[in-house]
Amino acid sequence: MQRLYDFLRRHPTWVDTFWAVVLFGISCVGVTGANGVPGHHMPLAAGLAVSAVLCLVVALRRLYPEPMLLLAAACGLAQLILDVETTVADFAMLVITYTVATVGARWASRLALGISLCAATLAQIRWPADEPAGLSRVAVVVFQTVPFALAWVLGDSMRTRRAYFAQLEERAARLEKEREAQSKVAVAAERARIARELHDVVAHNVSVMVVQADGAAYVLDSAPDQAKKALETISSTGRQALAEMRRLLGVLRTGEHQEGGEYVPQPDVEQIDDLVEQCRTSGLPVDFKVEGTPRPLPSGVELTAYRIVQEALTNTRKHGGPNAGASVRLVYFDDGLGLLVEDDGKGAPHELYEEGGADGQGHGLIGMRERVGMVGGTLDAGPRPGGGFRISVLLPLKAAH
């Protein structure tokens, strides 16, 4: 039964054709029976022709609603001219009115409404009833007009309902596209964040390892204890780098930060002291001071401050020269956190800080600017008067709850 129902839904014109044939059969019986009966205006040939055309309207109403409306109106005029009174086939007028109001053009819907309101009146004038003129005729006209008006109202309501559902489907499709676009943006932002994290981790730790390895090779024969200590620093730095990289790769795989195991938490401001100590161990003199009253900070600000100091000290080792020293100032303001990282080395090449290193020769400052911009802060980077390099950052913050 369900297969038959699905088949009929896929072929609605076949269903309309079936009912058109049934209607034509009933109309033929009515026209034949009324032919020649006193008091009836039903020429046999004209009656059968009009009935056939009206049944054709029923069969093709879904495929060609507007042409079928015009054809039905022409049949109505032909009935008035040829004196063919209403038959069962005139039910097609009701059907086409509903169809045009539902799926037809607006002009066709209005035309169908006008014809529907006038049809009963014209029929009563052309073939007046036997009752005396007066309220009885008015009642007949109203009684015959109401079904046409109801058919038009029902069809127009169905049009509105379909338009509403179509709008809902369009809105759902648009929201789905917007969600997909937002997801792609979020994925791109997350990839950029992880790329910055990997850059900071690899650049800083590998830089420490290279410096320690060079130092170990230099004193391997003359000071084996120092070489052993340098190798231990290389080992611990390498493990730390691996742990942070595994944490980031775990984020890529699962989308979530995992606790325990080999994954480490996000670095914060308190770990800047350990970072500075690590740099001192690797041979870079660093002066570190904290001004103001330390207090809890948003996690994004904590991570940004740590990575800024990490990248700045890494740049000092890369570009400052063998005798460079650095200073780090962390200042707690009432409405912000200030960072000042300076070195007295030879400074970075001009193209590495001009426009944030956009020429492709370096990405450290680009990552800094992106990080600072994500938390609404400001960054100023450039050479110091008299030599060296300076990075000044201001990060707005609110007290963490």
Protein backbone atom coordinates (compact mmCIF):
# COMPACT_ATOMS: atom_id res chain seq x y z
CA MET A 1 0.00 0.00 0.00
CA GLN A 2 2.84 2.34 0.84
CA ARG A 3 4.47 1.67 -2.54
CA LEU A 4 1.23 2.59 -4.30
CA TYR A 5 0.97 5.78 -2.23
CA ASP A 6 4.56 6.74 -3.08
CA PHE A 7 3.92 6.05 -6.76
CA LEU A 8 0.84 8.29 -6.78
CA ARG A 9 2.77 11.06 -5.03
CA ARG A 10 5.46 10.91 -7.72
CA HIS A 11 2.85 11.04 -10.53
CA PRO A 12 0.14 13.54 -9.47
CA THR A 13 -0.90 14.20 -13.09
CA TRP A 14 -1.92 10.58 -13.45
CA VAL A 15 -4.17 10.95 -10.42
CA ASP A 16 -5.73 14.12 -11.86
CA THR A 17 -6.26 12.35 -15.18
CA PHE A 18 -8.03 9.48 -13.46
CA TRP A 19 -10.43 11.85 -11.70
CA ALA A 20 -10.91 13.81 -14.94
CA VAL A 21 -12.02 10.61 -16.68
CA VAL A 22 -14.43 9.84 -13.85
CA LEU A 23 -15.80 13.38 -13.99
CA PHE A 24 -16.22 13.18 -17.76
CA GLY A 25 -18.15 9.93 -17.45
CA ILE A 26 -20.54 11.42 -14.90
CA SER A 27 -20.89 14.56 -17.05
CA CYS A 28 -21.76 12.51 -20.14
CA VAL A 29 -24.53 10.78 -18.21
CA GLY A 30 -25.87 14.13 -17.00
CA VAL A 31 -25.69 15.83 -20.42
CA THR A 32 -27.32 12.88 -22.17
CA GLY A 33 -30.09 12.69 -19.59
CA ALA A 34 -30.83 16.43 -19.72
CA ASN A 35 -30.80 16.64 -23.52
CA GLY A 36 -34.29 17.35 -24.80
CA VAL A 37 -35.87 17.53 -21.36
CA PRO A 38 -38.26 20.49 -21.11
CA GLY A 39 -36.88 23.34 -18.98
CA HIS A 40 -33.22 22.36 -19.54
CA HIS A 41 -30.78 24.14 -21.83
CA MET A 42 -28.42 21.35 -22.83
CA PRO A 43 -27.57 20.85 -26.53
CA LEU A 44 -25.95 17.41 -26.70
CA ALA A 45 -22.91 18.22 -28.86
CA ALA A 46 -22.13 21.52 -27.15
CA GLY A 47 -22.66 19.99 -23.71
CA LEU A 48 -20.28 17.09 -24.42
CA ALA A 49 -17.65 19.43 -25.90
CA VAL A 50 -17.76 21.78 -22.92
CA SER A 51 -17.59 18.84 -20.50
CA ALA A 52 -14.57 17.38 -22.32
CA VAL A 53 -12.68 20.68 -22.19
CA LEU A 54 -13.46 21.20 -18.48
CA CYS A 55 -12.26 17.67 -17.69
CA LEU A 56 -9.07 18.41 -19.59
CA VAL A 57 -8.62 21.39 -17.26
CA VAL A 58 -8.75 19.00 -14.28
CA ALA A 59 -6.24 16.63 -15.85
CA LEU A 60 -3.62 19.30 -16.65
CA ARG A 61 -4.19 21.73 -13.79
CA ARG A 62 -0.87 21.02 -12.02
CA LEU A 63 1.24 21.18 -15.17
CA TYR A 64 -0.25 24.37 -16.63
CA PRO A 65 -2.28 26.19 -13.95
CA GLU A 66 -2.49 29.60 -15.65
CA PRO A 67 -3.37 28.31 -19.18
CA MET A 68 -5.95 25.95 -17.68
CA LEU A 69 -7.54 28.86 -15.81
CA LEU A 70 -7.88 30.82 -19.04
CA LEU A 71 -9.27 27.71 -20.76
CA ALA A 72 -11.85 27.24 -18.00
CA ALA A 73 -12.86 30.91 -18.25
CA ALA A 74 -13.25 30.51 -22.03
CA CYS A 75 -15.46 27.46 -21.46
CA GLY A 76 -17.60 29.48 -19.07
CA LEU A 77 -18.09 32.18 -21.68
CA ALA A 78 -18.89 29.51 -24.28
CA GLN A 79 -21.56 28.09 -21.97
CA LEU A 80 -23.15 31.51 -21.66
CA ILE A 81 -23.06 32.09 -25.42
CA LEU A 82 -24.12 28.57 -26.50
CA ASP A 83 -26.78 28.33 -23.79
CA VAL A 84 -25.23 25.28 -22.13
CA GLU A 85 -26.35 25.37 -18.53
CA THR A 86 -24.12 24.25 -15.68
CA THR A 87 -23.29 20.56 -15.45
CA VAL A 88 -21.23 18.31 -13.19
CA ALA A 89 -18.16 19.16 -15.28
CA ASP A 90 -18.34 22.76 -13.98
CA PHE A 91 -16.80 21.33 -10.80
CA ALA A 92 -13.54 21.92 -12.72
CA MET A 93 -14.04 25.67 -12.10
CA LEU A 94 -13.81 25.00 -8.37
CA VAL A 95 -10.73 22.80 -8.78
CA ILE A 96 -8.81 25.23 -11.00
CA THR A 97 -9.62 28.11 -8.62
CA TYR A 98 -7.99 26.21 -5.75
CA THR A 99 -5.02 25.18 -7.89
CA VAL A 100 -4.25 28.66 -9.17
CA ALA A 101 -4.61 30.17 -5.69
CA THR A 102 -2.10 27.58 -4.44
CA VAL A 103 0.61 27.43 -7.11
CA GLY A 104 -0.33 29.90 -9.83
CA ALA A 105 0.97 33.38 -10.49
CA ARG A 106 -0.47 36.24 -8.47
CA TRP A 107 -2.35 37.70 -11.42
CA ALA A 108 -3.92 34.32 -12.12
CA SER A 109 -4.92 33.94 -8.47
CA ARG A 110 -6.65 37.34 -8.50
CA LEU A 111 -8.34 36.54 -11.82
CA ALA A 112 -9.59 33.23 -10.41
CA LEU A 113 -11.02 35.02 -7.39
CA GLY A 114 -12.83 37.55 -9.60
CA ILE A 115 -14.29 34.83 -11.85
CA SER A 116 -15.36 32.80 -8.83
CA LEU A 117 -17.25 35.74 -7.33
CA CYS A 118 -18.99 36.52 -10.61
CA ALA A 119 -19.74 33.00 -11.90
CA ALA A 120 -22.80 32.28 -9.76
CA THR A 121 -24.32 35.69 -10.49
CA LEU A 122 -23.84 35.31 -14.25
CA ALA A 123 -25.30 31.78 -14.18
CA GLN A 124 -28.35 32.97 -12.26
CA ILE A 125 -28.90 35.78 -14.76
CA ARG A 126 -28.47 33.48 -17.77
CA TRP A 127 -30.51 30.59 -16.38
CA PRO A 128 -32.79 32.05 -13.71
CA ALA A 129 -34.30 29.66 -11.19
CA ASP A 130 -38.01 28.92 -11.03
CA GLU A 131 -38.38 30.68 -7.72
CA PRO A 132 -39.73 34.25 -7.84
CA ALA A 133 -37.16 37.01 -7.88
CA GLY A 134 -36.09 38.39 -4.56
CA LEU A 135 -34.26 37.12 -1.53
CA SER A 136 -34.49 33.51 -2.67
CA ARG A 137 -32.41 34.21 -5.77
CA VAL A 138 -29.89 36.17 -3.70
CA ALA A 139 -29.66 33.21 -1.35
CA VAL A 140 -29.02 30.86 -4.28
CA VAL A 141 -26.28 33.11 -5.61
CA VAL A 142 -24.63 33.32 -2.18
CA PHE A 143 -24.93 29.57 -1.69
CA GLN A 144 -23.24 28.93 -5.04
CA THR A 145 -20.54 31.57 -4.52
CA VAL A 146 -19.42 30.42 -1.06
CA PRO A 147 -17.72 27.18 -2.27
CA PHE A 148 -15.66 29.12 -4.84
CA ALA A 149 -14.62 31.68 -2.24
CA LEU A 150 -13.68 28.93 0.22
CA ALA A 151 -11.67 27.13 -2.46
CA TRP A 152 -9.72 30.31 -3.20
CA VAL A 153 -9.14 31.05 0.51
CA LEU A 154 -7.96 27.48 1.14
CA GLY A 155 -5.61 27.62 -1.85
CA ASP A 156 -4.17 30.98 -0.83
CA SER A 157 -3.63 29.70 2.71
CA MET A 158 -1.81 26.69 1.29
CA ARG A 159 0.37 29.03 -0.79
CA THR A 160 1.26 31.02 2.33
CA ARG A 161 2.03 27.85 4.25
CA ARG A 162 4.28 26.53 1.51
CA ALA A 163 6.08 29.85 1.25
CA TYR A 164 6.61 29.81 5.02
CA PHE A 165 8.09 26.31 4.96
CA ALA A 166 10.24 27.22 1.97
CA GLN A 167 11.52 30.23 3.90
CA LEU A 168 12.29 28.02 6.90
CA GLU A 169 14.17 25.58 4.70
CA GLU A 170 16.12 28.40 3.08
CA ARG A 171 16.95 29.87 6.47
CA ALA A 172 18.04 26.46 7.77
CA ALA A 173 20.24 25.96 4.70
CA ARG A 174 21.71 29.45 5.14
CA LEU A 175 22.40 28.82 8.83
CA GLU A 176 24.03 25.52 7.97
CA LYS A 177 26.29 27.26 5.47
CA GLU A 178 27.10 29.93 8.05
CA ARG A 179 27.93 27.25 10.62
CA GLU A 180 30.19 25.54 8.11
CA ALA A 181 31.89 28.85 7.33
CA GLN A 182 32.33 29.59 11.04
CA SER A 183 33.72 26.11 11.58
CA LYS A 184 36.24 26.63 8.79
CA VAL A 185 37.26 29.98 10.28
CA ALA A 186 37.60 28.39 13.72
CA VAL A 187 39.69 25.56 12.28
CA ALA A 188 41.94 28.04 10.47
CA ALA A 189 42.34 30.12 13.64
CA GLU A 190 43.14 27.02 15.68
CA ARG A 191 45.69 25.87 13.12
CA ALA A 192 47.32 29.31 13.19
CA ARG A 193 47.40 29.24 16.99
CA ILE A 194 48.97 25.79 17.05
CA ALA A 195 51.47 26.85 14.40
CA ARG A 196 52.50 29.77 16.62
CA GLU A 197 52.78 27.42 19.59
CA LEU A 198 54.97 24.99 17.64
CA HIS A 199 57.14 27.84 16.40
CA ASP A 200 57.65 29.18 19.91
CA VAL A 201 58.38 25.75 21.39
CA VAL A 202 60.75 24.62 18.66
CA ALA A 203 62.57 27.94 18.19
CA HIS A 204 63.19 28.51 21.89
CA ASN A 205 64.16 25.00 22.96
CA VAL A 206 66.24 24.20 19.89
CA SER A 207 68.06 27.50 20.33
CA VAL A 208 68.92 26.54 23.92
CA MET A 209 70.03 23.08 22.79
CA VAL A 210 72.27 24.49 20.04
CA VAL A 211 73.96 26.93 22.44
CA GLN A 212 74.52 24.20 25.02
CA ALA A 213 75.79 21.76 22.41
CA ASP A 214 78.30 24.31 21.12
CA GLY A 215 79.44 25.00 24.67
CA ALA A 216 79.77 21.31 25.48
CA ALA A 217 81.86 20.70 22.38
CA TYR A 218 84.13 23.61 23.29
CA VAL A 219 84.85 22.47 26.89
CA LEU A 220 84.55 18.72 26.37
CA ASP A 221 88.26 18.08 26.86
CA SER A 222 89.22 20.90 29.22
CA ALA A 223 86.15 20.89 31.54
CA PRO A 224 84.27 17.60 31.32
CA ASP A 225 82.05 18.53 34.30
CA GLN A 226 80.76 21.60 32.46
CA ALA A 227 80.26 19.55 29.32
CA LYS A 228 78.27 17.00 31.32
CA LYS A 229 76.10 19.76 32.77
CA ALA A 230 75.51 21.20 29.29
CA LEU A 231 74.48 17.78 28.02
CA GLU A 232 72.06 17.42 30.94
CA THR A 233 70.57 20.80 30.02
CA ILE A 234 70.22 19.66 26.41
CA SER A 235 68.49 16.49 27.57
CA SER A 236 66.02 18.26 29.86
CA THR A 237 65.32 20.96 27.27
CA GLY A 238 64.70 18.33 24.61
CA ARG A 239 62.28 16.46 26.87
CA GLN A 240 60.43 19.66 27.63
CA ALA A 241 60.16 20.46 23.93
CA LEU A 242 58.87 16.96 23.19
CA ALA A 243 56.30 17.21 25.98
CA GLU A 244 54.94 20.51 24.68
CA MET A 245 54.91 19.26 21.09
CA ARG A 246 53.03 16.13 22.14
CA ARG A 247 50.50 18.30 23.93
CA LEU A 248 49.96 20.33 20.78
CA LEU A 249 49.71 17.22 18.62
CA GLY A 250 47.20 15.85 21.10
CA VAL A 251 45.11 18.97 20.56
CA LEU A 252 45.27 18.36 16.81
CA ARG A 253 44.15 14.76 17.22
CA THR A 254 41.41 15.17 19.82
CA GLY A 255 40.59 18.88 19.87
CA GLU A 256 40.93 18.88 23.65
CA HIS A 257 43.75 19.45 26.13
CA GLN A 258 44.62 16.21 27.89
CA GLU A 259 45.77 16.19 31.45
CA GLY A 260 48.34 13.86 32.93
CA GLY A 261 50.71 11.62 31.06
CA GLU A 262 53.29 13.44 28.98
CA TYR A 263 51.12 16.47 28.23
CA VAL A 264 51.93 19.66 30.10
CA PRO A 265 49.62 22.54 31.08
CA GLN A 266 49.67 25.86 29.29
CA PRO A 267 52.57 28.01 30.51
CA ASP A 268 51.69 31.08 32.55
CA VAL A 269 53.30 34.20 33.98
CA GLU A 270 54.72 32.37 37.01
CA GLN A 271 56.80 30.17 34.69
CA ILE A 272 58.59 33.18 33.20
CA ASP A 273 61.01 32.92 36.12
CA ASP A 274 61.87 29.33 35.08
CA LEU A 275 62.22 30.46 31.48
CA VAL A 276 64.66 33.20 32.49
CA GLU A 277 66.63 30.75 34.59
CA GLN A 278 66.82 28.38 31.66
CA CYS A 279 68.22 31.18 29.50
CA ARG A 280 70.80 32.02 32.16
CA THR A 281 71.85 28.37 32.27
CA SER A 282 72.31 28.40 28.51
CA GLY A 283 74.73 31.33 28.80
CA LEU A 284 72.49 34.36 28.22
CA PRO A 285 72.60 36.87 31.12
CA VAL A 286 69.03 37.98 31.88
CA ASP A 287 67.88 40.50 34.47
CA PHE A 288 64.26 39.80 35.50
CA LYS A 289 62.09 42.10 37.64
CA VAL A 290 58.41 42.18 38.53
CA GLU A 291 56.79 45.50 39.42
CA GLY A 292 53.36 46.00 40.90
CA THR A 293 51.19 43.50 42.75
CA PRO A 294 50.88 40.10 41.04
CA ARG A 295 47.31 38.84 40.74
CA PRO A 296 45.36 36.20 38.81
CA LEU A 297 45.15 36.89 35.08
CA PRO A 298 43.02 35.51 32.26
CA SER A 299 44.60 32.38 30.78
CA GLY A 300 44.95 34.00 27.35
CA VAL A 301 46.92 36.91 28.80
CA GLU A 302 49.11 34.53 30.83
CA LEU A 303 49.99 32.43 27.78
CA THR A 304 50.56 35.53 25.61
CA ALA A 305 52.95 37.09 28.14
CA TYR A 306 54.95 33.89 28.48
CA ARG A 307 55.25 33.38 24.72
CA ILE A 308 56.27 37.00 24.13
CA VAL A 309 59.13 36.72 26.63
CA GLN A 310 60.10 33.31 25.22
CA GLU A 311 60.25 34.57 21.64
CA ALA A 312 62.03 37.79 22.61
CA LEU A 313 64.80 35.93 24.47
CA THR A 314 65.09 33.46 21.59
CA ASN A 315 65.60 36.39 19.20
CA THR A 316 68.28 37.79 21.51
CA ARG A 317 70.21 34.52 21.32
CA LYS A 318 69.80 34.41 17.54
CA HIS A 319 70.67 38.00 16.66
CA GLY A 320 72.25 39.61 19.73
CA GLY A 321 75.73 38.21 19.33
CA PRO A 322 77.96 36.25 21.74
CA ASN A 323 78.21 38.92 24.45
CA ALA A 324 74.59 40.06 24.50
CA GLY A 325 72.61 40.42 27.69
CA ALA A 326 68.88 40.95 28.21
CA SER A 327 66.47 42.38 30.73
CA VAL A 328 62.82 41.48 31.29
CA ARG A 329 60.36 43.76 33.10
CA LEU A 330 56.89 42.55 34.04
CA VAL A 331 54.66 45.40 35.30
CA TYR A 332 51.19 44.96 36.80
CA PHE A 333 49.05 48.05 36.16
CA ASP A 334 45.52 48.59 37.43
CA ASP A 335 44.02 47.81 34.03
CA GLY A 336 46.79 46.06 32.18
CA LEU A 337 49.95 44.02 32.16
CA GLY A 338 53.11 45.56 30.75
CA LEU A 339 56.09 43.69 29.28
CA LEU A 340 59.45 45.21 28.39
CA VAL A 341 62.18 42.98 26.97
CA GLU A 342 65.47 44.65 25.99
CA ASP A 343 68.90 43.46 25.01
CA ASP A 344 72.23 45.18 24.42
CA GLY A 345 73.32 43.09 21.49
CA LYS A 346 73.82 44.06 17.90
CA GLY A 347 70.07 43.84 17.20
CA ALA A 348 68.06 42.06 14.55
CA PRO A 349 68.34 42.90 10.84
CA HIS A 350 66.03 45.70 9.81
CA GLU A 351 63.86 43.54 7.53
CA LEU A 352 63.04 41.16 10.39
CA TYR A 353 61.09 43.77 12.33
CA GLU A 354 59.92 46.08 9.54
CA GLU A 355 56.19 45.36 9.10
CA GLY A 356 56.46 42.43 11.50
CA GLY A 357 58.84 40.38 9.40
CA ALA A 358 56.36 40.17 6.54
CA ASP A 359 59.08 39.57 3.97
CA GLY A 360 59.20 35.90 4.97
CA GLN A 361 62.67 35.98 6.60
CA GLY A 362 61.25 35.63 10.09
CA HIS A 363 57.94 34.80 11.74
CA GLY A 364 58.65 35.51 15.41
CA LEU A 365 57.43 39.09 15.41
CA ILE A 366 54.47 38.14 13.23
CA GLY A 367 53.44 35.58 15.84
CA MET A 368 53.92 38.16 18.62
CA ARG A 369 51.68 40.70 16.89
CA GLU A 370 49.00 38.08 16.28
CA ARG A 371 49.07 36.93 19.88
CA VAL A 372 48.91 40.46 21.25
CA GLY A 373 46.13 41.37 18.82
CA MET A 374 44.04 38.37 19.91
CA VAL A 375 43.86 39.71 23.48
CA GLY A 376 43.36 43.32 22.40
CA GLY A 377 46.86 44.52 23.32
CA THR A 378 49.51 46.65 21.64
CA LEU A 379 53.10 45.80 20.67
CA ASP A 380 56.01 48.04 19.76
CA ALA A 381 59.23 46.44 18.53
CA GLY A 382 62.39 48.02 17.17
CA PRO A 383 66.04 48.90 17.80
CA ARG A 384 67.06 50.70 20.97
CA PRO A 385 68.89 54.02 20.85
CA GLY A 386 72.56 53.17 21.24
CA GLY A 387 72.21 49.55 20.12
CA GLY A 388 70.28 46.49 20.93
CA PHE A 389 66.62 45.66 20.52
CA ARG A 390 63.50 46.39 22.52
CA ILE A 391 60.01 44.86 22.61
CA SER A 392 57.31 46.72 24.54
CA VAL A 393 53.88 45.14 25.07
CA LEU A 394 50.74 46.27 26.88
CA LEU A 395 48.04 43.67 27.51
CA PRO A 396 44.65 44.85 28.83
CA LEU A 397 43.24 42.61 31.53
CA LYS A 398 40.47 42.10 34.00
CA ALA A 399 40.71 40.32 37.28
CA ALA A 400 40.01 36.58 36.92
CA HIS A 401 37.00 35.24 38.82
